[in-house]
Amino acid sequence: MQDFDTILKQLLHEPDGEALRYITGHRVVSWRNVEMPTTRNLRADSIGRDESARSIQIECQTANDPTMAARMLNYGAWLFAEEGRFPLQYVLYIGSRPMSMPTVVEEPDQIAYQYKLFNMKDLDGEVLRSSPRLSDNILSVLMRLRDRREAVTGILERIAELPAGERRTAYKQLLTLAGLRELGEFVKEEGRRMFALEDYLEHDVFGPLVQQGLEQGLEQGLEKGREQGLELGREQGGHQEALAFLHMIVERLGPVPESLSQRYAAMSTPQIREESKRALAATSIGDLLS
């Protein structure tokens, strides 16, 4: 995914979040829209001000950069020229490989420069996991946790309580960061279990799988559907959500008996959405027959 930078900014910039104060010891009270000279090809991730009005720069790295010290010095020198004071500078490394970036630029009798580098894997994630802010909870998956799967399940439970739009945004943020810690598939499986059909249809990850079949008129799925009860639902006038719901069940649990497809085809939209919560928690077709 190419959304790491955007998502990390969203989470780190969250008002009243504890993540940056925990990591750096400073609270950012405002963020700045800073444009550096294009001739230098500088693009800082995030620049804000702390409570003393001093500039604070945060850079996030998913890979080691052997020029990182020189880059940070360049950023700092430009801000020093603008403000007359060197900024506080931090790099947060979120990659999976061992961290190996230089933090110092030294030339005898000329310059001795250093920025602060943190490996997110080495930080105690339990601090942010216990925060009341969901943004902090999501960032904690990048850190050291006692039980990563238990932590992720707890975060998903909080996300499930949000309104639909916020729920989808938070889920995407969690899924993106979890992928950096090899937890992406676990998040997807738990998401399928927890979220209702409304999210399943509209979600960036799950929705296209269902919508693709619907938009193509279930062209490739009709043959399979006849054998599994989907065609029966269609013939009896099942609407789009009923077809999508049956498709979801087939993908998760296998062939659908005719009696069950008849029952779902006759349901109203509110009934289908309520039943979808039960279906997403089911582990076999038998769970839905009672």
Protein backbone atom coordinates (compact mmCIF):
# COMPACT_ATOMS: atom_id res chain seq x y z
CA MET A 1 0.00 0.00 0.00
CA GLN A 2 1.07 3.58 -0.68
CA ASP A 3 -0.99 5.12 2.13
CA PHE A 4 1.54 4.85 4.97
CA ASP A 5 2.51 8.54 4.98
CA THR A 6 -1.05 9.82 4.80
CA ILE A 7 -2.34 7.47 7.49
CA LEU A 8 0.56 8.12 9.85
CA LYS A 9 0.00 11.86 9.49
CA GLN A 10 -3.71 11.44 10.24
CA LEU A 11 -2.98 9.45 13.39
CA LEU A 12 -0.03 11.50 14.65
CA HIS A 13 -1.86 14.79 14.03
CA GLU A 14 -4.96 13.68 15.94
CA PRO A 15 -5.85 16.40 18.51
CA ASP A 16 -5.12 15.40 22.12
CA GLY A 17 -3.35 12.21 21.01
CA GLU A 18 -0.67 10.90 23.37
CA ALA A 19 1.58 9.20 20.81
CA LEU A 20 4.04 12.01 20.11
CA ARG A 21 4.30 13.12 23.72
CA TYR A 22 5.00 9.53 24.72
CA ILE A 23 7.66 9.05 22.02
CA THR A 24 9.40 12.45 22.03
CA GLY A 25 8.51 13.94 25.41
CA HIS A 26 6.95 16.98 23.67
CA ARG A 27 3.32 17.86 22.97
CA VAL A 28 2.63 19.39 19.56
CA VAL A 29 -0.01 22.08 19.97
CA SER A 30 -0.26 23.07 16.29
CA TRP A 31 0.83 21.82 12.89
CA ARG A 32 2.28 24.03 10.18
CA ASN A 33 1.87 24.05 6.43
CA VAL A 34 5.50 24.67 5.49
CA GLU A 35 6.75 24.92 1.91
CA MET A 36 10.48 24.56 1.57
CA PRO A 37 12.41 25.82 -1.47
CA THR A 38 11.77 23.54 -4.44
CA THR A 39 15.37 23.95 -5.59
CA ARG A 40 16.42 21.89 -2.58
CA ASN A 41 13.85 19.17 -3.25
CA LEU A 42 12.95 19.09 0.45
CA ARG A 43 9.67 17.62 1.61
CA ALA A 44 9.21 17.19 5.33
CA ASP A 45 6.53 14.80 6.62
CA SER A 46 5.24 16.91 9.52
CA ILE A 47 6.33 20.16 11.13
CA GLY A 48 4.54 21.61 14.13
CA ARG A 49 5.15 23.71 17.22
CA ASP A 50 5.40 22.49 20.79
CA GLU A 51 4.11 24.29 23.88
CA SER A 52 7.14 26.60 23.93
CA ALA A 53 6.49 27.58 20.26
CA ARG A 54 9.62 25.76 19.12
CA SER A 55 9.38 23.95 15.79
CA ILE A 56 9.26 20.17 15.98
CA GLN A 57 9.77 17.96 12.94
CA ILE A 58 8.56 14.37 12.63
CA GLU A 59 9.68 12.07 9.82
CA CYS A 60 8.41 8.51 9.34
CA GLN A 61 10.49 5.90 7.53
CA THR A 62 9.40 2.46 6.33
CA ALA A 63 12.88 1.74 4.94
CA ASN A 64 16.44 2.58 5.95
CA ASP A 65 17.86 5.66 4.24
CA PRO A 66 21.68 5.99 4.33
CA THR A 67 21.32 9.74 3.66
CA MET A 68 18.89 10.34 6.54
CA ALA A 69 21.32 12.36 8.68
CA ALA A 70 22.16 14.65 5.78
CA ARG A 71 18.46 15.06 4.95
CA MET A 72 17.57 15.98 8.51
CA LEU A 73 20.46 18.43 8.70
CA ASN A 74 19.19 20.02 5.51
CA TYR A 75 15.68 20.38 6.94
CA GLY A 76 17.05 21.76 10.20
CA ALA A 77 19.33 24.27 8.52
CA TRP A 78 16.49 25.64 6.45
CA LEU A 79 14.24 26.04 9.51
CA PHE A 80 17.12 27.61 11.43
CA ALA A 81 17.58 30.19 8.66
CA GLU A 82 13.85 30.93 8.73
CA GLU A 83 13.38 31.08 12.50
CA GLY A 84 16.78 31.64 14.06
CA ARG A 85 16.44 28.47 16.12
CA PHE A 86 17.13 24.85 15.31
CA PRO A 87 14.02 22.61 15.44
CA LEU A 88 13.56 19.51 17.52
CA GLN A 89 13.91 16.66 15.03
CA TYR A 90 12.70 13.06 15.30
CA VAL A 91 12.60 10.14 12.88
CA LEU A 92 10.21 7.25 13.57
CA TYR A 93 11.32 4.02 11.92
CA ILE A 94 8.40 1.67 11.24
CA GLY A 95 10.06 -0.77 8.83
CA SER A 96 10.41 -4.52 9.32
CA ARG A 97 14.15 -4.80 8.64
CA PRO A 98 16.76 -3.99 11.32
CA MET A 99 17.20 -0.24 11.72
CA SER A 100 20.50 1.00 10.28
CA MET A 101 20.34 4.72 9.59
CA PRO A 102 23.04 7.21 10.55
CA THR A 103 21.99 9.87 13.05
CA VAL A 104 25.13 12.02 13.12
CA VAL A 105 26.90 14.42 10.76
CA GLU A 106 30.37 15.33 11.99
CA GLU A 107 33.21 17.28 10.47
CA PRO A 108 36.11 18.14 12.82
CA ASP A 109 36.18 21.83 13.76
CA GLN A 110 33.15 22.48 11.52
CA ILE A 111 29.95 20.75 12.56
CA ALA A 112 28.58 18.23 15.01
CA TYR A 113 24.92 17.49 14.30
CA GLN A 114 22.54 14.77 15.53
CA TYR A 115 18.81 14.06 15.33
CA LYS A 116 16.83 11.54 17.41
CA LEU A 117 15.88 8.20 15.86
CA PHE A 118 13.29 5.83 17.32
CA ASN A 119 12.58 2.26 16.26
CA MET A 120 8.84 1.89 16.85
CA LYS A 121 9.28 -1.86 17.45
CA ASP A 122 11.31 -1.10 20.57
CA LEU A 123 8.69 1.14 22.20
CA ASP A 124 6.18 -0.20 24.70
CA GLY A 125 2.87 -0.30 22.84
CA GLU A 126 0.86 -1.01 25.98
CA VAL A 127 1.06 2.69 26.85
CA LEU A 128 -0.82 3.71 23.71
CA ARG A 129 -3.02 0.62 23.75
CA SER A 130 -4.50 1.85 27.05
CA SER A 131 -5.07 5.40 25.75
CA PRO A 132 -8.68 6.61 25.42
CA ARG A 133 -7.80 7.88 21.93
CA LEU A 134 -8.43 5.40 19.11
CA SER A 135 -5.63 6.99 17.04
CA ASP A 136 -3.17 6.05 19.80
CA ASN A 137 -4.59 2.51 19.95
CA ILE A 138 -4.06 2.07 16.21
CA LEU A 139 -0.48 3.38 16.37
CA SER A 140 0.28 0.88 19.14
CA VAL A 141 0.24 -2.01 16.64
CA LEU A 142 3.58 -0.73 15.34
CA MET A 143 5.11 -1.12 18.79
CA ARG A 144 5.96 -3.93 21.19
CA LEU A 145 2.82 -5.57 22.60
CA ARG A 146 2.35 -8.46 25.03
CA ASP A 147 -0.24 -10.12 22.79
CA ARG A 148 -0.54 -8.52 19.37
CA ARG A 149 -3.64 -10.43 18.29
CA GLU A 150 -5.47 -9.68 21.49
CA ALA A 151 -4.57 -6.01 21.10
CA VAL A 152 -5.81 -5.94 17.50
CA THR A 153 -9.08 -7.61 18.46
CA GLY A 154 -9.62 -4.98 21.15
CA ILE A 155 -8.97 -2.17 18.68
CA LEU A 156 -11.41 -3.71 16.19
CA GLU A 157 -14.06 -3.89 18.90
CA ARG A 158 -13.65 -0.14 19.45
CA ILE A 159 -13.81 0.50 15.69
CA ALA A 160 -17.00 -1.57 15.40
CA GLU A 161 -18.77 0.89 17.71
CA LEU A 162 -18.11 3.89 15.45
CA PRO A 163 -20.57 5.36 12.91
CA ALA A 164 -20.22 3.74 9.48
CA GLY A 165 -18.04 6.43 7.83
CA GLU A 166 -15.64 6.72 10.76
CA ARG A 167 -15.59 2.94 11.08
CA ARG A 168 -14.36 2.46 7.52
CA THR A 169 -11.66 5.13 7.90
CA ALA A 170 -10.35 3.68 11.16
CA TYR A 171 -10.43 0.14 9.77
CA LYS A 172 -8.35 1.18 6.77
CA GLN A 173 -5.83 2.87 9.08
CA LEU A 174 -5.53 -0.23 11.24
CA LEU A 175 -5.29 -2.59 8.28
CA THR A 176 -2.53 -0.51 6.68
CA LEU A 177 -0.36 -0.34 9.79
CA ALA A 178 -1.06 -3.95 10.77
CA GLY A 179 0.31 -4.99 7.39
CA LEU A 180 3.71 -3.65 8.46
CA ARG A 181 3.69 -6.12 11.35
CA GLU A 182 2.39 -9.13 9.41
CA LEU A 183 -1.04 -8.81 10.98
CA GLY A 184 -2.95 -7.79 7.87
CA GLU A 185 -4.63 -11.15 7.25
CA PHE A 186 -5.64 -11.43 10.89
CA VAL A 187 -7.24 -7.97 10.75
CA LYS A 188 -9.15 -8.96 7.60
CA GLU A 189 -10.47 -12.17 9.17
CA GLU A 190 -11.54 -10.42 12.36
CA GLY A 191 -13.07 -7.61 10.30
CA ARG A 192 -15.20 -10.08 8.35
CA ARG A 193 -16.40 -11.57 11.62
CA MET A 194 -17.22 -8.26 13.31
CA PHE A 195 -18.57 -5.91 10.68
CA ALA A 196 -22.09 -5.95 9.29
CA LEU A 197 -23.07 -6.32 5.64
CA GLU A 198 -23.27 -2.53 5.19
CA ASP A 199 -19.53 -2.29 5.82
CA TYR A 200 -18.84 -5.45 3.84
CA LEU A 201 -20.48 -3.93 0.75
CA GLU A 202 -18.93 -0.46 1.07
CA HIS A 203 -15.49 -1.28 2.45
CA ASP A 204 -12.33 -0.65 0.40
CA VAL A 205 -11.10 -4.20 0.96
CA PHE A 206 -14.22 -6.37 1.02
CA GLY A 207 -16.70 -4.30 -0.99
CA PRO A 208 -15.03 -4.55 -4.40
CA LEU A 209 -15.01 -8.34 -4.19
CA VAL A 210 -18.79 -8.37 -3.91
CA GLN A 211 -19.51 -5.34 -6.09
CA GLN A 212 -17.43 -6.71 -8.94
CA GLY A 213 -19.68 -9.72 -9.14
CA LEU A 214 -22.78 -7.57 -8.93
CA GLU A 215 -21.64 -5.05 -11.53
CA GLN A 216 -20.91 -7.85 -13.97
CA GLY A 217 -24.39 -9.25 -13.38
CA LEU A 218 -22.83 -12.19 -11.53
CA GLU A 219 -21.92 -13.32 -15.04
CA GLN A 220 -19.20 -15.69 -13.93
CA GLY A 221 -20.90 -16.63 -10.71
CA LEU A 222 -24.32 -17.66 -11.97
CA GLU A 223 -23.27 -21.18 -12.92
CA LYS A 224 -21.85 -21.67 -9.45
CA GLY A 225 -24.86 -19.87 -8.02
CA ARG A 226 -27.35 -22.30 -9.50
CA GLU A 227 -25.63 -25.11 -7.67
CA GLN A 228 -25.42 -23.18 -4.42
CA GLY A 229 -28.79 -21.51 -4.18
CA LEU A 230 -27.90 -18.07 -5.51
CA GLU A 231 -29.93 -18.46 -8.70
CA LEU A 232 -33.02 -19.40 -6.74
CA GLY A 233 -32.77 -16.17 -4.78
CA ARG A 234 -32.43 -14.24 -8.01
CA GLU A 235 -35.42 -15.94 -9.66
CA GLN A 236 -37.59 -15.10 -6.68
CA GLY A 237 -36.85 -11.40 -7.03
CA GLY A 238 -34.09 -11.08 -4.47
CA HIS A 239 -32.73 -7.53 -4.52
CA GLN A 240 -29.10 -6.52 -4.78
CA GLU A 241 -28.36 -6.77 -1.08
CA ALA A 242 -29.91 -10.24 -0.88
CA LEU A 243 -27.68 -11.40 -3.74
CA ALA A 244 -24.63 -9.80 -2.17
CA PHE A 245 -25.49 -11.37 1.16
CA LEU A 246 -25.83 -14.83 -0.39
CA HIS A 247 -22.59 -14.31 -2.28
CA MET A 248 -20.83 -13.40 0.97
CA ILE A 249 -22.13 -16.54 2.69
CA VAL A 250 -21.08 -18.77 -0.21
CA GLU A 251 -17.57 -17.28 -0.16
CA ARG A 252 -17.22 -17.71 3.61
CA LEU A 253 -19.14 -20.88 4.43
CA GLY A 254 -19.82 -22.82 1.23
CA PRO A 255 -23.00 -23.96 -0.59
CA VAL A 256 -26.32 -22.56 0.64
CA PRO A 257 -29.33 -24.92 0.97
CA GLU A 258 -32.45 -23.98 -1.01
CA SER A 259 -34.48 -23.50 2.16
CA LEU A 260 -31.99 -20.91 3.44
CA SER A 261 -31.71 -19.04 0.14
CA GLN A 262 -35.53 -18.88 -0.02
CA ARG A 263 -35.65 -17.40 3.47
CA TYR A 264 -33.04 -14.74 2.65
CA ALA A 265 -34.65 -13.86 -0.72
CA ALA A 266 -37.88 -13.00 1.12
CA MET A 267 -36.19 -10.73 3.69
CA SER A 268 -36.36 -6.95 3.69
CA THR A 269 -33.17 -4.85 3.68
CA PRO A 270 -33.26 -4.20 7.48
CA GLN A 271 -33.78 -7.93 8.08
CA ILE A 272 -30.83 -8.82 5.83
CA ARG A 273 -28.54 -6.36 7.60
CA GLU A 274 -29.52 -7.74 10.97
CA GLU A 275 -29.04 -11.31 9.76
CA SER A 276 -25.62 -10.39 8.31
CA LYS A 277 -24.29 -9.78 11.82
CA ARG A 278 -25.23 -13.34 12.72
CA ALA A 279 -23.82 -14.70 9.46
CA LEU A 280 -20.45 -12.98 9.91
CA ALA A 281 -20.07 -14.64 13.30
CA ALA A 282 -21.01 -18.10 11.96
CA THR A 283 -18.38 -20.74 11.41
CA SER A 284 -20.53 -23.09 9.29
CA ILE A 285 -23.81 -23.17 7.33
CA GLY A 286 -25.27 -25.20 10.17
CA ASP A 287 -25.03 -22.14 12.45
CA LEU A 288 -27.50 -20.34 10.18
CA LEU A 289 -30.12 -23.08 9.94
CA SER A 290 -31.43 -22.77 13.49
